Amino acid sequence: MVVTLIVACEVGFWVLLAAGLTLRYVCRMPRTGAAVLLLEPLLELALLIVTAIDLRNGATADWKHGLAAVYIGYTVAYGHYTIRWADGHVAHRFGGAGRPPKPPRHGLARARHEGKLWLRTVAMGAVAAGLLQLAVWYVGDGDTATLRGWQLTMARLVAIHGVIALSYLLWPKKAPVGEAETARPPKVLH
């Protein structure tokens, strides 16, 4: 039941996102679209409640409950970022806005971008680990090894992403010669 709800929440996220953005830009109803987008957190709240009820009713804490915590952590950390990304593209396509900027590809700007994404992953890991710890306390004396395993998995994920983000700082990718030339301001001759 928990896995089905996780899938339903993911599908619901994209359905609400599509509906909210369609209302905002295609139907020209920005307030209604914003209201639909604000319904997104209710999906995670429903998942959290159902997971807690499942554990309280005697279900063995297993990978499904850990996955639910990770999903909620991901949505908390990356949900707004994903909505903002989609909003920029839909606003460009249907709302007459300019093309949304792409992430930087080279140098320290790319390293900063990767660092910000890593901080989102840290937030995701912290939320997931916190929810998993609450589940461990909620279950009490039952078998919580799987939940603790998910906590370790989140720590590994944060560490791996941190190493990747750090690599962009230590070994920044240089812009190709042609791109570097176009990025420089023109020389003024006196």
N, C-alpha and C. Protein backbone atom coordinates (compact mmCIF):
# COMPACT_ATOMS: atom_id res chain seq x y z
N MET A 1 0.82 -1.20 0.00
CA MET A 1 0.00 0.00 0.00
C MET A 1 0.86 1.26 0.00
N VAL A 2 1.97 1.25 0.72
CA VAL A 2 2.84 2.43 0.81
C VAL A 2 3.49 2.71 -0.55
N VAL A 3 3.94 1.65 -1.23
CA VAL A 3 4.57 1.83 -2.54
C VAL A 3 3.56 2.41 -3.53
N THR A 4 2.35 1.92 -3.49
CA THR A 4 1.30 2.44 -4.37
C THR A 4 1.06 3.91 -4.09
N LEU A 5 1.07 4.28 -2.83
CA LEU A 5 0.86 5.69 -2.47
C LEU A 5 2.04 6.55 -2.91
N ILE A 6 3.27 6.02 -2.82
CA ILE A 6 4.43 6.78 -3.30
C ILE A 6 4.29 7.05 -4.79
N VAL A 7 3.91 6.02 -5.55
CA VAL A 7 3.71 6.20 -6.99
C VAL A 7 2.58 7.19 -7.25
N ALA A 8 1.50 7.06 -6.50
CA ALA A 8 0.37 7.99 -6.67
C ALA A 8 0.79 9.42 -6.33
N CYS A 9 1.61 9.60 -5.31
CA CYS A 9 2.09 10.95 -4.96
C CYS A 9 2.97 11.52 -6.07
N GLU A 10 3.82 10.69 -6.66
CA GLU A 10 4.67 11.16 -7.75
C GLU A 10 3.83 11.54 -8.97
N VAL A 11 2.88 10.69 -9.32
CA VAL A 11 1.98 11.01 -10.44
C VAL A 11 1.17 12.25 -10.10
N GLY A 12 0.67 12.32 -8.87
CA GLY A 12 -0.10 13.48 -8.43
C GLY A 12 0.71 14.77 -8.49
N PHE A 13 2.00 14.69 -8.14
CA PHE A 13 2.87 15.86 -8.21
C PHE A 13 2.88 16.42 -9.63
N TRP A 14 3.11 15.54 -10.61
CA TRP A 14 3.21 16.00 -12.00
C TRP A 14 1.86 16.43 -12.55
N VAL A 15 0.78 15.77 -12.11
CA VAL A 15 -0.56 16.18 -12.56
C VAL A 15 -0.90 17.56 -12.00
N LEU A 16 -0.65 17.76 -10.71
CA LEU A 16 -0.91 19.08 -10.12
C LEU A 16 -0.02 20.16 -10.74
N LEU A 17 1.23 19.81 -11.01
CA LEU A 17 2.13 20.76 -11.65
C LEU A 17 1.62 21.14 -13.03
N ALA A 18 1.24 20.15 -13.82
CA ALA A 18 0.72 20.44 -15.16
C ALA A 18 -0.58 21.24 -15.09
N ALA A 19 -1.46 20.86 -14.18
CA ALA A 19 -2.73 21.58 -14.04
C ALA A 19 -2.50 23.02 -13.59
N GLY A 20 -1.65 23.20 -12.60
CA GLY A 20 -1.38 24.55 -12.09
C GLY A 20 -0.76 25.44 -13.15
N LEU A 21 0.22 24.92 -13.89
CA LEU A 21 0.86 25.73 -14.92
C LEU A 21 -0.05 25.97 -16.11
N THR A 22 -0.89 24.99 -16.44
CA THR A 22 -1.87 25.20 -17.51
C THR A 22 -2.84 26.30 -17.13
N LEU A 23 -3.32 26.26 -15.90
CA LEU A 23 -4.23 27.32 -15.44
C LEU A 23 -3.54 28.68 -15.45
N ARG A 24 -2.29 28.73 -15.05
CA ARG A 24 -1.57 30.01 -14.98
C ARG A 24 -1.33 30.62 -16.35
N TYR A 25 -0.87 29.81 -17.30
CA TYR A 25 -0.39 30.38 -18.56
C TYR A 25 -1.30 30.14 -19.75
N VAL A 26 -1.95 29.01 -19.81
CA VAL A 26 -2.81 28.74 -20.97
C VAL A 26 -4.20 29.33 -20.74
N CYS A 27 -4.76 29.10 -19.55
CA CYS A 27 -6.11 29.61 -19.25
C CYS A 27 -6.09 31.02 -18.69
N ARG A 28 -4.91 31.58 -18.48
CA ARG A 28 -4.75 32.94 -17.95
C ARG A 28 -5.46 33.13 -16.60
N MET A 29 -5.28 32.16 -15.73
CA MET A 29 -5.86 32.20 -14.39
C MET A 29 -4.72 32.02 -13.37
N PRO A 30 -3.87 33.05 -13.21
CA PRO A 30 -2.67 32.87 -12.38
C PRO A 30 -2.96 32.55 -10.92
N ARG A 31 -3.98 33.13 -10.35
CA ARG A 31 -4.27 32.85 -8.93
C ARG A 31 -4.78 31.42 -8.74
N THR A 32 -5.64 30.99 -9.63
CA THR A 32 -6.13 29.62 -9.54
C THR A 32 -5.00 28.63 -9.75
N GLY A 33 -4.12 28.92 -10.71
CA GLY A 33 -2.96 28.06 -10.94
C GLY A 33 -2.05 28.00 -9.73
N ALA A 34 -1.84 29.14 -9.09
CA ALA A 34 -1.01 29.17 -7.89
C ALA A 34 -1.66 28.37 -6.77
N ALA A 35 -2.98 28.47 -6.65
CA ALA A 35 -3.69 27.70 -5.62
C ALA A 35 -3.54 26.20 -5.85
N VAL A 36 -3.60 25.78 -7.10
CA VAL A 36 -3.41 24.36 -7.41
C VAL A 36 -1.99 23.93 -7.07
N LEU A 37 -1.01 24.78 -7.38
CA LEU A 37 0.37 24.44 -7.05
C LEU A 37 0.60 24.36 -5.54
N LEU A 38 -0.16 25.13 -4.78
CA LEU A 38 -0.03 25.09 -3.32
C LEU A 38 -0.60 23.81 -2.71
N LEU A 39 -1.32 23.01 -3.52
CA LEU A 39 -1.85 21.73 -3.04
C LEU A 39 -0.78 20.64 -3.00
N GLU A 40 0.36 20.90 -3.65
CA GLU A 40 1.43 19.90 -3.72
C GLU A 40 1.83 19.34 -2.35
N PRO A 41 2.05 20.19 -1.33
CA PRO A 41 2.49 19.63 -0.04
C PRO A 41 1.47 18.68 0.60
N LEU A 42 0.20 18.79 0.21
CA LEU A 42 -0.80 17.88 0.78
C LEU A 42 -0.53 16.43 0.39
N LEU A 43 0.07 16.23 -0.78
CA LEU A 43 0.41 14.87 -1.20
C LEU A 43 1.41 14.25 -0.23
N GLU A 44 2.44 15.00 0.12
CA GLU A 44 3.45 14.48 1.03
C GLU A 44 2.88 14.29 2.44
N LEU A 45 2.00 15.18 2.84
CA LEU A 45 1.36 15.03 4.14
C LEU A 45 0.53 13.74 4.18
N ALA A 46 -0.19 13.47 3.11
CA ALA A 46 -0.98 12.23 3.03
C ALA A 46 -0.06 11.01 3.10
N LEU A 47 1.06 11.06 2.38
CA LEU A 47 2.01 9.95 2.41
C LEU A 47 2.57 9.75 3.81
N LEU A 48 2.91 10.84 4.48
CA LEU A 48 3.44 10.75 5.83
C LEU A 48 2.42 10.13 6.79
N ILE A 49 1.18 10.56 6.69
CA ILE A 49 0.13 10.04 7.57
C ILE A 49 -0.12 8.56 7.33
N VAL A 50 -0.21 8.18 6.05
CA VAL A 50 -0.47 6.76 5.73
C VAL A 50 0.69 5.89 6.17
N THR A 51 1.92 6.37 6.01
CA THR A 51 3.08 5.60 6.44
C THR A 51 3.06 5.42 7.96
N ALA A 52 2.74 6.48 8.69
CA ALA A 52 2.66 6.39 10.15
C ALA A 52 1.56 5.42 10.58
N ILE A 53 0.41 5.49 9.93
CA ILE A 53 -0.69 4.58 10.26
C ILE A 53 -0.30 3.14 9.97
N ASP A 54 0.39 2.93 8.84
CA ASP A 54 0.83 1.58 8.47
C ASP A 54 1.76 1.02 9.54
N LEU A 55 2.71 1.84 10.01
CA LEU A 55 3.62 1.38 11.06
C LEU A 55 2.88 1.15 12.37
N ARG A 56 1.95 2.03 12.71
CA ARG A 56 1.21 1.89 13.97
C ARG A 56 0.32 0.65 13.96
N ASN A 57 -0.16 0.26 12.79
CA ASN A 57 -1.02 -0.92 12.69
C ASN A 57 -0.23 -2.23 12.70
N GLY A 58 1.05 -2.14 12.97
CA GLY A 58 1.83 -3.35 13.15
C GLY A 58 2.64 -3.79 11.94
N ALA A 59 2.68 -3.00 10.88
CA ALA A 59 3.48 -3.38 9.72
C ALA A 59 4.96 -3.39 10.11
N THR A 60 5.68 -4.33 9.57
CA THR A 60 7.12 -4.38 9.81
C THR A 60 7.77 -3.24 9.06
N ALA A 61 8.61 -2.48 9.75
CA ALA A 61 9.31 -1.36 9.11
C ALA A 61 10.27 -1.93 8.07
N ASP A 62 10.02 -1.64 6.80
CA ASP A 62 10.87 -2.17 5.75
C ASP A 62 11.23 -1.09 4.74
N TRP A 63 11.74 -1.50 3.60
CA TRP A 63 12.25 -0.57 2.58
C TRP A 63 11.19 0.40 2.11
N LYS A 64 9.90 0.01 2.12
CA LYS A 64 8.83 0.90 1.65
C LYS A 64 8.71 2.14 2.53
N HIS A 65 8.83 1.93 3.82
CA HIS A 65 8.72 3.06 4.74
C HIS A 65 9.94 3.97 4.61
N GLY A 66 11.11 3.39 4.39
CA GLY A 66 12.31 4.19 4.15
C GLY A 66 12.20 4.98 2.86
N LEU A 67 11.69 4.33 1.81
CA LEU A 67 11.51 5.02 0.54
C LEU A 67 10.53 6.18 0.66
N ALA A 68 9.50 6.01 1.46
CA ALA A 68 8.53 7.10 1.68
C ALA A 68 9.22 8.30 2.32
N ALA A 69 10.08 8.06 3.29
CA ALA A 69 10.81 9.16 3.95
C ALA A 69 11.75 9.85 2.97
N VAL A 70 12.43 9.08 2.13
CA VAL A 70 13.34 9.65 1.14
C VAL A 70 12.54 10.47 0.11
N TYR A 71 11.40 9.95 -0.31
CA TYR A 71 10.56 10.68 -1.27
C TYR A 71 10.11 12.02 -0.69
N ILE A 72 9.68 12.01 0.56
CA ILE A 72 9.25 13.26 1.20
C ILE A 72 10.44 14.22 1.32
N GLY A 73 11.60 13.70 1.70
CA GLY A 73 12.80 14.53 1.77
C GLY A 73 13.16 15.14 0.43
N TYR A 74 13.06 14.33 -0.63
CA TYR A 74 13.35 14.83 -1.97
C TYR A 74 12.38 15.95 -2.35
N THR A 75 11.12 15.74 -2.08
CA THR A 75 10.12 16.74 -2.44
C THR A 75 10.32 18.03 -1.66
N VAL A 76 10.66 17.92 -0.39
CA VAL A 76 10.91 19.12 0.41
C VAL A 76 12.11 19.90 -0.16
N ALA A 77 13.18 19.19 -0.50
CA ALA A 77 14.41 19.85 -0.95
C ALA A 77 14.37 20.29 -2.41
N TYR A 78 13.80 19.48 -3.26
CA TYR A 78 13.86 19.75 -4.70
C TYR A 78 12.51 20.12 -5.32
N GLY A 79 11.43 20.03 -4.56
CA GLY A 79 10.11 20.30 -5.13
C GLY A 79 9.97 21.72 -5.66
N HIS A 80 10.32 22.71 -4.86
CA HIS A 80 10.21 24.11 -5.28
C HIS A 80 11.13 24.39 -6.46
N TYR A 81 12.32 23.83 -6.43
CA TYR A 81 13.28 23.98 -7.53
C TYR A 81 12.69 23.43 -8.83
N THR A 82 12.06 22.25 -8.76
CA THR A 82 11.45 21.63 -9.93
C THR A 82 10.28 22.46 -10.43
N ILE A 83 9.46 22.95 -9.52
CA ILE A 83 8.31 23.78 -9.92
C ILE A 83 8.79 25.06 -10.57
N ARG A 84 9.81 25.69 -10.00
CA ARG A 84 10.35 26.93 -10.58
C ARG A 84 10.93 26.69 -11.97
N TRP A 85 11.62 25.55 -12.14
CA TRP A 85 12.19 25.19 -13.44
C TRP A 85 11.06 25.01 -14.47
N ALA A 86 10.06 24.24 -14.10
CA ALA A 86 8.94 24.01 -15.03
C ALA A 86 8.18 25.30 -15.30
N ASP A 87 8.00 26.13 -14.28
CA ASP A 87 7.29 27.40 -14.45
C ASP A 87 8.03 28.29 -15.46
N GLY A 88 9.35 28.34 -15.37
CA GLY A 88 10.12 29.15 -16.30
C GLY A 88 9.95 28.69 -17.74
N HIS A 89 9.94 27.37 -17.94
CA HIS A 89 9.80 26.85 -19.30
C HIS A 89 8.39 27.03 -19.84
N VAL A 90 7.39 26.83 -19.00
CA VAL A 90 6.02 27.02 -19.46
C VAL A 90 5.73 28.51 -19.68
N ALA A 91 6.26 29.36 -18.82
CA ALA A 91 6.09 30.81 -19.01
C ALA A 91 6.72 31.25 -20.32
N HIS A 92 7.84 30.66 -20.68
CA HIS A 92 8.49 30.99 -21.95
C HIS A 92 7.65 30.50 -23.12
N ARG A 93 7.15 29.28 -23.02
CA ARG A 93 6.42 28.68 -24.14
C ARG A 93 5.04 29.28 -24.32
N PHE A 94 4.32 29.51 -23.23
CA PHE A 94 2.92 29.93 -23.33
C PHE A 94 2.65 31.32 -22.79
N GLY A 95 3.55 31.86 -21.98
CA GLY A 95 3.27 33.15 -21.34
C GLY A 95 4.04 34.32 -21.92
N GLY A 96 4.84 34.08 -22.92
CA GLY A 96 5.57 35.18 -23.55
C GLY A 96 6.79 35.64 -22.78
N ALA A 97 7.21 34.92 -21.78
CA ALA A 97 8.40 35.29 -21.02
C ALA A 97 9.66 34.91 -21.80
N GLY A 98 10.76 35.47 -21.39
CA GLY A 98 12.03 35.13 -22.02
C GLY A 98 12.44 33.70 -21.72
N ARG A 99 13.38 33.21 -22.51
CA ARG A 99 13.88 31.85 -22.30
C ARG A 99 14.56 31.79 -20.93
N PRO A 100 14.23 30.77 -20.15
CA PRO A 100 14.87 30.67 -18.83
C PRO A 100 16.36 30.40 -18.98
N PRO A 101 17.15 30.96 -18.08
CA PRO A 101 18.60 30.76 -18.20
C PRO A 101 18.98 29.30 -17.91
N LYS A 102 19.97 28.84 -18.64
CA LYS A 102 20.49 27.50 -18.39
C LYS A 102 21.51 27.58 -17.27
N PRO A 103 21.73 26.47 -16.58
CA PRO A 103 22.76 26.49 -15.54
C PRO A 103 24.12 26.77 -16.17
N PRO A 104 25.01 27.42 -15.44
CA PRO A 104 26.34 27.68 -15.98
C PRO A 104 27.05 26.36 -16.28
N ARG A 105 27.90 26.39 -17.29
CA ARG A 105 28.58 25.16 -17.70
C ARG A 105 30.05 25.12 -17.34
N HIS A 106 30.62 26.27 -16.98
CA HIS A 106 32.06 26.31 -16.80
C HIS A 106 32.45 27.13 -15.57
N GLY A 107 33.67 26.87 -15.09
CA GLY A 107 34.31 27.70 -14.08
C GLY A 107 33.65 27.69 -12.72
N LEU A 108 33.89 28.78 -11.99
CA LEU A 108 33.38 28.90 -10.62
C LEU A 108 31.86 29.04 -10.59
N ALA A 109 31.28 29.59 -11.64
CA ALA A 109 29.81 29.69 -11.68
C ALA A 109 29.20 28.29 -11.65
N ARG A 110 29.79 27.36 -12.38
CA ARG A 110 29.30 25.98 -12.37
C ARG A 110 29.52 25.34 -11.00
N ALA A 111 30.66 25.62 -10.39
CA ALA A 111 30.95 25.08 -9.06
C ALA A 111 29.93 25.60 -8.04
N ARG A 112 29.58 26.89 -8.11
CA ARG A 112 28.56 27.45 -7.21
C ARG A 112 27.22 26.76 -7.43
N HIS A 113 26.86 26.57 -8.69
CA HIS A 113 25.59 25.91 -9.02
C HIS A 113 25.57 24.49 -8.43
N GLU A 114 26.65 23.75 -8.63
CA GLU A 114 26.71 22.38 -8.09
C GLU A 114 26.70 22.39 -6.57
N GLY A 115 27.33 23.39 -5.96
CA GLY A 115 27.31 23.51 -4.50
C GLY A 115 25.90 23.75 -3.98
N LYS A 116 25.14 24.58 -4.68
CA LYS A 116 23.75 24.83 -4.29
C LYS A 116 22.90 23.56 -4.42
N LEU A 117 23.13 22.81 -5.48
CA LEU A 117 22.40 21.54 -5.63
C LEU A 117 22.78 20.58 -4.51
N TRP A 118 24.05 20.56 -4.14
CA TRP A 118 24.49 19.69 -3.06
C TRP A 118 23.81 20.09 -1.75
N LEU A 119 23.67 21.39 -1.51
CA LEU A 119 22.98 21.83 -0.29
C LEU A 119 21.52 21.36 -0.29
N ARG A 120 20.91 21.31 -1.46
CA ARG A 120 19.56 20.75 -1.54
C ARG A 120 19.58 19.26 -1.17
N THR A 121 20.60 18.57 -1.63
CA THR A 121 20.73 17.15 -1.29
C THR A 121 20.96 16.97 0.20
N VAL A 122 21.73 17.87 0.81
CA VAL A 122 21.92 17.83 2.27
C VAL A 122 20.58 18.01 2.97
N ALA A 123 19.78 18.97 2.48
CA ALA A 123 18.45 19.19 3.07
C ALA A 123 17.58 17.95 2.89
N MET A 124 17.64 17.34 1.71
CA MET A 124 16.88 16.12 1.47
C MET A 124 17.30 15.03 2.45
N GLY A 125 18.61 14.85 2.61
CA GLY A 125 19.10 13.83 3.52
C GLY A 125 18.71 14.10 4.96
N ALA A 126 18.75 15.37 5.36
CA ALA A 126 18.39 15.72 6.73
C ALA A 126 16.91 15.46 7.00
N VAL A 127 16.05 15.86 6.06
CA VAL A 127 14.61 15.62 6.24
C VAL A 127 14.33 14.12 6.27
N ALA A 128 14.91 13.38 5.32
CA ALA A 128 14.68 11.93 5.28
C ALA A 128 15.21 11.26 6.54
N ALA A 129 16.42 11.62 6.96
CA ALA A 129 16.99 11.01 8.17
C ALA A 129 16.17 11.35 9.41
N GLY A 130 15.68 12.59 9.47
CA GLY A 130 14.82 12.99 10.59
C GLY A 130 13.52 12.20 10.61
N LEU A 131 12.89 12.06 9.45
CA LEU A 131 11.65 11.28 9.38
C LEU A 131 11.91 9.81 9.71
N LEU A 132 13.03 9.29 9.25
CA LEU A 132 13.37 7.90 9.56
C LEU A 132 13.62 7.73 11.06
N GLN A 133 14.26 8.72 11.69
CA GLN A 133 14.48 8.64 13.13
C GLN A 133 13.15 8.70 13.89
N LEU A 134 12.26 9.56 13.43
CA LEU A 134 10.93 9.61 14.05
C LEU A 134 10.22 8.27 13.90
N ALA A 135 10.39 7.64 12.74
CA ALA A 135 9.78 6.32 12.53
C ALA A 135 10.39 5.28 13.46
N VAL A 136 11.70 5.35 13.68
CA VAL A 136 12.37 4.42 14.60
C VAL A 136 11.79 4.59 16.00
N TRP A 137 11.66 5.81 16.45
CA TRP A 137 11.08 6.06 17.77
C TRP A 137 9.62 5.64 17.82
N TYR A 138 8.92 5.86 16.72
CA TYR A 138 7.48 5.53 16.64
C TYR A 138 7.28 4.02 16.74
N VAL A 139 8.13 3.26 16.06
CA VAL A 139 8.02 1.80 16.08
C VAL A 139 8.41 1.27 17.45
N GLY A 140 9.39 1.90 18.08
CA GLY A 140 9.79 1.49 19.43
C GLY A 140 10.70 0.28 19.41
N ASP A 141 10.26 -0.79 20.05
CA ASP A 141 11.10 -1.97 20.21
C ASP A 141 11.09 -2.88 19.00
N GLY A 142 10.36 -2.55 17.97
CA GLY A 142 10.30 -3.42 16.79
C GLY A 142 11.59 -3.40 15.99
N ASP A 143 11.61 -4.15 14.91
CA ASP A 143 12.79 -4.24 14.05
C ASP A 143 12.89 -2.96 13.21
N THR A 144 13.94 -2.20 13.49
CA THR A 144 14.14 -0.93 12.77
C THR A 144 15.43 -0.91 11.97
N ALA A 145 16.03 -2.07 11.75
CA ALA A 145 17.31 -2.14 11.04
C ALA A 145 17.18 -1.57 9.63
N THR A 146 16.08 -1.83 8.97
CA THR A 146 15.90 -1.33 7.61
C THR A 146 15.84 0.20 7.59
N LEU A 147 15.15 0.77 8.56
CA LEU A 147 15.06 2.23 8.63
C LEU A 147 16.43 2.84 8.90
N ARG A 148 17.19 2.22 9.78
CA ARG A 148 18.55 2.70 10.05
C ARG A 148 19.43 2.54 8.81
N GLY A 149 19.19 1.49 8.05
CA GLY A 149 19.92 1.30 6.79
C GLY A 149 19.64 2.42 5.80
N TRP A 150 18.39 2.88 5.75
CA TRP A 150 18.05 4.01 4.88
C TRP A 150 18.76 5.28 5.34
N GLN A 151 18.90 5.45 6.65
CA GLN A 151 19.64 6.61 7.14
C GLN A 151 21.09 6.58 6.65
N LEU A 152 21.70 5.41 6.70
CA LEU A 152 23.06 5.26 6.21
C LEU A 152 23.13 5.50 4.70
N THR A 153 22.13 5.03 3.98
CA THR A 153 22.07 5.26 2.53
C THR A 153 21.99 6.76 2.23
N MET A 154 21.21 7.48 3.00
CA MET A 154 21.12 8.93 2.78
C MET A 154 22.44 9.62 3.07
N ALA A 155 23.14 9.18 4.11
CA ALA A 155 24.44 9.77 4.42
C ALA A 155 25.43 9.51 3.28
N ARG A 156 25.39 8.30 2.73
CA ARG A 156 26.26 7.98 1.58
C ARG A 156 25.92 8.85 0.38
N LEU A 157 24.64 9.01 0.12
CA LEU A 157 24.20 9.81 -1.02
C LEU A 157 24.67 11.26 -0.88
N VAL A 158 24.53 11.82 0.30
CA VAL A 158 24.98 13.19 0.54
C VAL A 158 26.50 13.28 0.35
N ALA A 159 27.24 12.29 0.85
CA ALA A 159 28.69 12.30 0.72
C ALA A 159 29.12 12.19 -0.75
N ILE A 160 28.50 11.29 -1.49
CA ILE A 160 28.85 11.12 -2.91
C ILE A 160 28.55 12.39 -3.69
N HIS A 161 27.38 12.96 -3.46
CA HIS A 161 27.04 14.20 -4.15
C HIS A 161 27.99 15.32 -3.74
N GLY A 162 28.41 15.34 -2.49
CA GLY A 162 29.38 16.34 -2.03
C GLY A 162 30.71 16.21 -2.74
N VAL A 163 31.18 14.98 -2.94
CA VAL A 163 32.43 14.77 -3.67
C VAL A 163 32.29 15.25 -5.12
N ILE A 164 31.16 14.95 -5.73
CA ILE A 164 30.93 15.39 -7.11
C ILE A 164 30.90 16.91 -7.18
N ALA A 165 30.19 17.55 -6.26
CA ALA A 165 30.13 19.01 -6.26
C ALA A 165 31.51 19.62 -6.01
N LEU A 166 32.26 19.03 -5.11
CA LEU A 166 33.61 19.52 -4.81
C LEU A 166 34.53 19.39 -6.01
N SER A 167 34.32 18.36 -6.81
CA SER A 167 35.16 18.17 -8.00
C SER A 167 35.02 19.33 -8.98
N TYR A 168 33.83 19.95 -9.03
CA TYR A 168 33.64 21.11 -9.91
C TYR A 168 34.42 22.32 -9.40
N LEU A 169 34.66 22.37 -8.10
CA LEU A 169 35.44 23.47 -7.54
C LEU A 169 36.94 23.22 -7.70
N LEU A 170 37.36 21.98 -7.44
CA LEU A 170 38.79 21.66 -7.52
C LEU A 170 39.31 21.59 -8.95
N TRP A 171 38.49 21.08 -9.84
CA TRP A 171 38.88 20.95 -11.24
C TRP A 171 37.81 21.58 -12.13
N PRO A 172 37.72 22.90 -12.12
CA PRO A 172 36.65 23.55 -12.90
C PRO A 172 36.85 23.32 -14.40
N LYS A 173 35.74 23.09 -15.06
CA LYS A 173 35.77 22.89 -16.50
C LYS A 173 35.97 24.25 -17.17
N LYS A 174 36.91 24.29 -18.08
CA LYS A 174 37.19 25.55 -18.78
C LYS A 174 36.31 25.66 -20.01
N ALA A 175 35.92 26.87 -20.31
CA ALA A 175 35.11 27.12 -21.50
C ALA A 175 35.95 26.86 -22.75
N PRO A 176 35.33 26.30 -23.78
CA PRO A 176 36.05 26.14 -25.04
C PRO A 176 36.52 27.51 -25.55
N VAL A 177 37.56 27.49 -26.35
CA VAL A 177 38.17 28.74 -26.82
C VAL A 177 37.14 29.61 -27.53
N GLY A 178 36.30 29.03 -28.35
CA GLY A 178 35.29 29.82 -29.06
C GLY A 178 34.28 30.46 -28.12
N GLU A 179 33.89 29.73 -27.10
CA GLU A 179 32.93 30.28 -26.13
C GLU A 179 33.57 31.33 -25.26
N ALA A 180 34.82 31.12 -24.92
CA ALA A 180 35.51 32.10 -24.08
C ALA A 180 35.64 33.42 -24.81
N GLU A 181 35.85 33.37 -26.12
CA GLU A 181 35.98 34.59 -26.90
C GLU A 181 34.67 35.35 -26.94
N THR A 182 33.54 34.65 -27.08
CA THR A 182 32.25 35.35 -27.16
C THR A 182 31.82 35.86 -25.80
N ALA A 183 32.33 35.28 -24.74
CA ALA A 183 31.92 35.70 -23.40
C ALA A 183 32.65 36.99 -22.97
N ARG A 184 33.79 37.28 -23.58
CA ARG A 184 34.54 38.46 -23.19
C ARG A 184 33.91 39.71 -23.77
N PRO A 185 33.99 40.82 -23.03
CA PRO A 185 33.47 42.07 -23.59
C PRO A 185 34.38 42.56 -24.73
N PRO A 186 33.81 43.23 -25.72
CA PRO A 186 34.64 43.68 -26.83
C PRO A 186 35.64 44.72 -26.36
N LYS A 187 36.80 44.72 -27.01
CA LYS A 187 37.85 45.70 -26.68
C LYS A 187 37.49 47.03 -27.30
N VAL A 188 37.72 48.06 -26.54
CA VAL A 188 37.47 49.41 -27.05
C VAL A 188 38.81 50.03 -27.41
N LEU A 189 38.93 50.45 -28.65
CA LEU A 189 40.17 51.08 -29.12
C LEU A 189 40.04 52.57 -29.02
N HIS A 190 41.05 53.24 -28.46
CA HIS A 190 41.03 54.70 -28.34
C HIS A 190 41.95 55.31 -29.34
